[in-house]
Amino acid sequence: MSFQAYLDNIRAKTGQMPDDFRRLAGEKGLAVNGQLAPGVKAGDIVAWLKTDFALGHGHAMAVYALLKGIKNEGDA
């Protein structure tokens, strides 16, 4: 599955776009200016997304990769 397919599935399940997750992560203190905040680990993001959005581990890790800057929208 491509990275974009993960994001599309996340949007279908949650109604949230990547920018929404950046904003929400910022509101929770997990991100600054749309990027992962210093000291925030993958497990922190995964726990948040599992609790608040019922995302599975793989989909939560896709959002983590987005926040960390490892992947971007449109990546294969």
N, C-alpha and C. Protein backbone atom coordinates (compact mmCIF):
# COMPACT_ATOMS: atom_id res chain seq x y z
N MET A 1 0.85 -1.17 0.00
CA MET A 1 0.00 0.00 0.00
C MET A 1 0.90 1.23 0.00
N SER A 2 0.57 2.18 -0.84
CA SER A 2 1.36 3.41 -0.90
C SER A 2 1.06 4.28 0.32
N PHE A 3 1.96 5.21 0.57
CA PHE A 3 1.77 6.12 1.69
C PHE A 3 0.50 6.94 1.48
N GLN A 4 0.28 7.38 0.24
CA GLN A 4 -0.93 8.16 -0.04
C GLN A 4 -2.19 7.33 0.22
N ALA A 5 -2.14 6.04 -0.08
CA ALA A 5 -3.29 5.18 0.20
C ALA A 5 -3.56 5.11 1.70
N TYR A 6 -2.49 5.07 2.51
CA TYR A 6 -2.68 5.12 3.97
C TYR A 6 -3.40 6.41 4.35
N LEU A 7 -2.95 7.53 3.82
CA LEU A 7 -3.57 8.82 4.16
C LEU A 7 -5.02 8.86 3.70
N ASP A 8 -5.30 8.30 2.52
CA ASP A 8 -6.68 8.27 2.01
C ASP A 8 -7.56 7.43 2.92
N ASN A 9 -7.06 6.29 3.38
CA ASN A 9 -7.82 5.44 4.29
C ASN A 9 -8.05 6.12 5.64
N ILE A 10 -7.05 6.82 6.11
CA ILE A 10 -7.17 7.56 7.38
C ILE A 10 -8.24 8.63 7.24
N ARG A 11 -8.22 9.34 6.12
CA ARG A 11 -9.23 10.39 5.89
C ARG A 11 -10.62 9.79 5.83
N ALA A 12 -10.78 8.63 5.16
CA ALA A 12 -12.08 7.98 5.06
C ALA A 12 -12.59 7.56 6.43
N LYS A 13 -11.69 7.10 7.29
CA LYS A 13 -12.09 6.62 8.62
C LYS A 13 -12.36 7.76 9.60
N THR A 14 -11.52 8.81 9.54
CA THR A 14 -11.59 9.86 10.56
C THR A 14 -12.18 11.18 10.08
N GLY A 15 -12.17 11.39 8.76
CA GLY A 15 -12.59 12.68 8.22
C GLY A 15 -11.52 13.75 8.33
N GLN A 16 -10.32 13.36 8.80
CA GLN A 16 -9.23 14.32 9.03
C GLN A 16 -8.20 14.26 7.89
N MET A 17 -7.74 15.41 7.50
CA MET A 17 -6.70 15.55 6.49
C MET A 17 -5.35 15.68 7.20
N PRO A 18 -4.24 15.52 6.48
CA PRO A 18 -2.93 15.68 7.11
C PRO A 18 -2.77 17.00 7.87
N ASP A 19 -3.24 18.09 7.29
CA ASP A 19 -3.12 19.38 7.99
C ASP A 19 -3.94 19.38 9.29
N ASP A 20 -5.05 18.66 9.30
CA ASP A 20 -5.85 18.56 10.53
C ASP A 20 -5.04 17.86 11.62
N PHE A 21 -4.34 16.77 11.25
CA PHE A 21 -3.53 16.06 12.24
C PHE A 21 -2.37 16.93 12.72
N ARG A 22 -1.79 17.72 11.83
CA ARG A 22 -0.72 18.63 12.25
C ARG A 22 -1.25 19.63 13.28
N ARG A 23 -2.42 20.18 12.98
CA ARG A 23 -3.03 21.16 13.90
C ARG A 23 -3.39 20.50 15.23
N LEU A 24 -4.05 19.36 15.17
CA LEU A 24 -4.45 18.66 16.39
C LEU A 24 -3.25 18.25 17.23
N ALA A 25 -2.20 17.77 16.57
CA ALA A 25 -0.98 17.40 17.30
C ALA A 25 -0.39 18.63 17.99
N GLY A 26 -0.45 19.77 17.33
CA GLY A 26 0.03 21.01 17.94
C GLY A 26 -0.79 21.40 19.15
N GLU A 27 -2.11 21.24 19.05
CA GLU A 27 -2.99 21.56 20.18
C GLU A 27 -2.70 20.66 21.38
N LYS A 28 -2.27 19.44 21.13
CA LYS A 28 -1.95 18.48 22.20
C LYS A 28 -0.51 18.63 22.69
N GLY A 29 0.27 19.53 22.06
CA GLY A 29 1.66 19.72 22.46
C GLY A 29 2.60 18.67 21.88
N LEU A 30 2.12 17.91 20.90
CA LEU A 30 2.93 16.87 20.28
C LEU A 30 3.69 17.36 19.05
N ALA A 31 3.31 18.53 18.55
CA ALA A 31 3.95 19.08 17.35
C ALA A 31 4.09 20.60 17.49
N VAL A 32 5.06 21.12 16.76
CA VAL A 32 5.29 22.56 16.71
C VAL A 32 5.42 22.92 15.23
N ASN A 33 4.61 23.87 14.79
CA ASN A 33 4.61 24.27 13.38
C ASN A 33 4.45 23.08 12.43
N GLY A 34 3.59 22.13 12.81
CA GLY A 34 3.30 20.99 11.95
C GLY A 34 4.33 19.89 11.95
N GLN A 35 5.37 20.04 12.75
CA GLN A 35 6.42 19.02 12.84
C GLN A 35 6.47 18.47 14.26
N LEU A 36 6.91 17.24 14.37
CA LEU A 36 6.99 16.58 15.67
C LEU A 36 7.78 17.44 16.66
N ALA A 37 7.25 17.60 17.84
CA ALA A 37 7.93 18.38 18.88
C ALA A 37 9.12 17.58 19.42
N PRO A 38 10.16 18.28 19.86
CA PRO A 38 11.32 17.58 20.43
C PRO A 38 10.90 16.67 21.59
N GLY A 39 11.46 15.48 21.61
CA GLY A 39 11.20 14.54 22.68
C GLY A 39 9.96 13.68 22.50
N VAL A 40 9.12 14.00 21.50
CA VAL A 40 7.92 13.20 21.26
C VAL A 40 8.33 11.96 20.47
N LYS A 41 7.90 10.82 20.94
CA LYS A 41 8.27 9.55 20.31
C LYS A 41 7.09 8.96 19.56
N ALA A 42 7.39 8.00 18.71
CA ALA A 42 6.35 7.34 17.91
C ALA A 42 5.23 6.80 18.80
N GLY A 43 5.60 6.21 19.93
CA GLY A 43 4.61 5.65 20.83
C GLY A 43 3.62 6.67 21.35
N ASP A 44 4.07 7.91 21.53
CA ASP A 44 3.18 8.98 21.98
C ASP A 44 2.11 9.27 20.92
N ILE A 45 2.54 9.33 19.67
CA ILE A 45 1.62 9.61 18.57
C ILE A 45 0.67 8.43 18.39
N VAL A 46 1.20 7.22 18.41
CA VAL A 46 0.38 6.02 18.23
C VAL A 46 -0.68 5.94 19.33
N ALA A 47 -0.31 6.16 20.57
CA ALA A 47 -1.26 6.10 21.68
C ALA A 47 -2.37 7.14 21.51
N TRP A 48 -2.00 8.35 21.13
CA TRP A 48 -2.99 9.42 20.91
C TRP A 48 -3.97 9.02 19.82
N LEU A 49 -3.46 8.56 18.67
CA LEU A 49 -4.32 8.26 17.54
C LEU A 49 -5.17 7.01 17.76
N LYS A 50 -4.65 6.06 18.50
CA LYS A 50 -5.46 4.88 18.84
C LYS A 50 -6.61 5.28 19.76
N THR A 51 -6.32 6.12 20.73
CA THR A 51 -7.33 6.54 21.71
C THR A 51 -8.37 7.47 21.09
N ASP A 52 -7.92 8.51 20.42
CA ASP A 52 -8.84 9.54 19.93
C ASP A 52 -9.50 9.20 18.60
N PHE A 53 -8.86 8.38 17.77
CA PHE A 53 -9.38 8.11 16.43
C PHE A 53 -9.55 6.63 16.11
N ALA A 54 -9.22 5.75 17.05
CA ALA A 54 -9.32 4.30 16.85
C ALA A 54 -8.52 3.83 15.64
N LEU A 55 -7.40 4.50 15.38
CA LEU A 55 -6.54 4.07 14.28
C LEU A 55 -5.70 2.87 14.72
N GLY A 56 -5.42 1.99 13.77
CA GLY A 56 -4.53 0.89 14.04
C GLY A 56 -3.09 1.37 14.04
N HIS A 57 -2.20 0.47 14.41
CA HIS A 57 -0.79 0.83 14.54
C HIS A 57 -0.20 1.34 13.22
N GLY A 58 -0.45 0.64 12.13
CA GLY A 58 0.11 1.04 10.83
C GLY A 58 -0.36 2.41 10.38
N HIS A 59 -1.63 2.69 10.54
CA HIS A 59 -2.16 3.99 10.13
C HIS A 59 -1.64 5.10 11.05
N ALA A 60 -1.53 4.80 12.34
CA ALA A 60 -0.99 5.78 13.27
C ALA A 60 0.47 6.08 12.93
N MET A 61 1.21 5.05 12.54
CA MET A 61 2.61 5.26 12.16
C MET A 61 2.73 6.10 10.88
N ALA A 62 1.74 6.03 10.02
CA ALA A 62 1.74 6.87 8.83
C ALA A 62 1.62 8.35 9.23
N VAL A 63 0.76 8.63 10.20
CA VAL A 63 0.63 10.00 10.68
C VAL A 63 1.93 10.42 11.38
N TYR A 64 2.53 9.53 12.13
CA TYR A 64 3.82 9.82 12.76
C TYR A 64 4.86 10.17 11.69
N ALA A 65 4.94 9.39 10.62
CA ALA A 65 5.90 9.66 9.54
C ALA A 65 5.64 11.02 8.92
N LEU A 66 4.39 11.39 8.81
CA LEU A 66 4.02 12.69 8.27
C LEU A 66 4.52 13.80 9.20
N LEU A 67 4.25 13.66 10.49
CA LEU A 67 4.66 14.68 11.46
C LEU A 67 6.18 14.77 11.60
N LYS A 68 6.84 13.64 11.48
CA LYS A 68 8.30 13.61 11.61
C LYS A 68 8.98 14.14 10.35
N GLY A 69 8.24 14.19 9.24
CA GLY A 69 8.82 14.67 7.99
C GLY A 69 9.49 13.57 7.19
N ILE A 70 9.28 12.31 7.59
CA ILE A 70 9.85 11.18 6.87
C ILE A 70 9.13 11.00 5.55
N LYS A 71 7.83 11.20 5.55
CA LYS A 71 6.99 11.05 4.37
C LYS A 71 6.16 12.31 4.20
N ASN A 72 5.71 12.53 2.96
CA ASN A 72 4.88 13.66 2.64
C ASN A 72 3.66 13.20 1.85
N GLU A 73 2.65 14.01 1.84
CA GLU A 73 1.47 13.70 1.03
C GLU A 73 1.91 13.47 -0.42
N GLY A 74 1.30 12.49 -1.04
CA GLY A 74 1.62 12.19 -2.43
C GLY A 74 2.78 11.22 -2.60
N ASP A 75 3.47 10.84 -1.49
CA ASP A 75 4.55 9.87 -1.61
C ASP A 75 3.98 8.50 -1.96
N ALA A 76 4.75 7.77 -2.71
CA ALA A 76 4.31 6.41 -3.10
C ALA A 76 4.50 5.46 -1.95
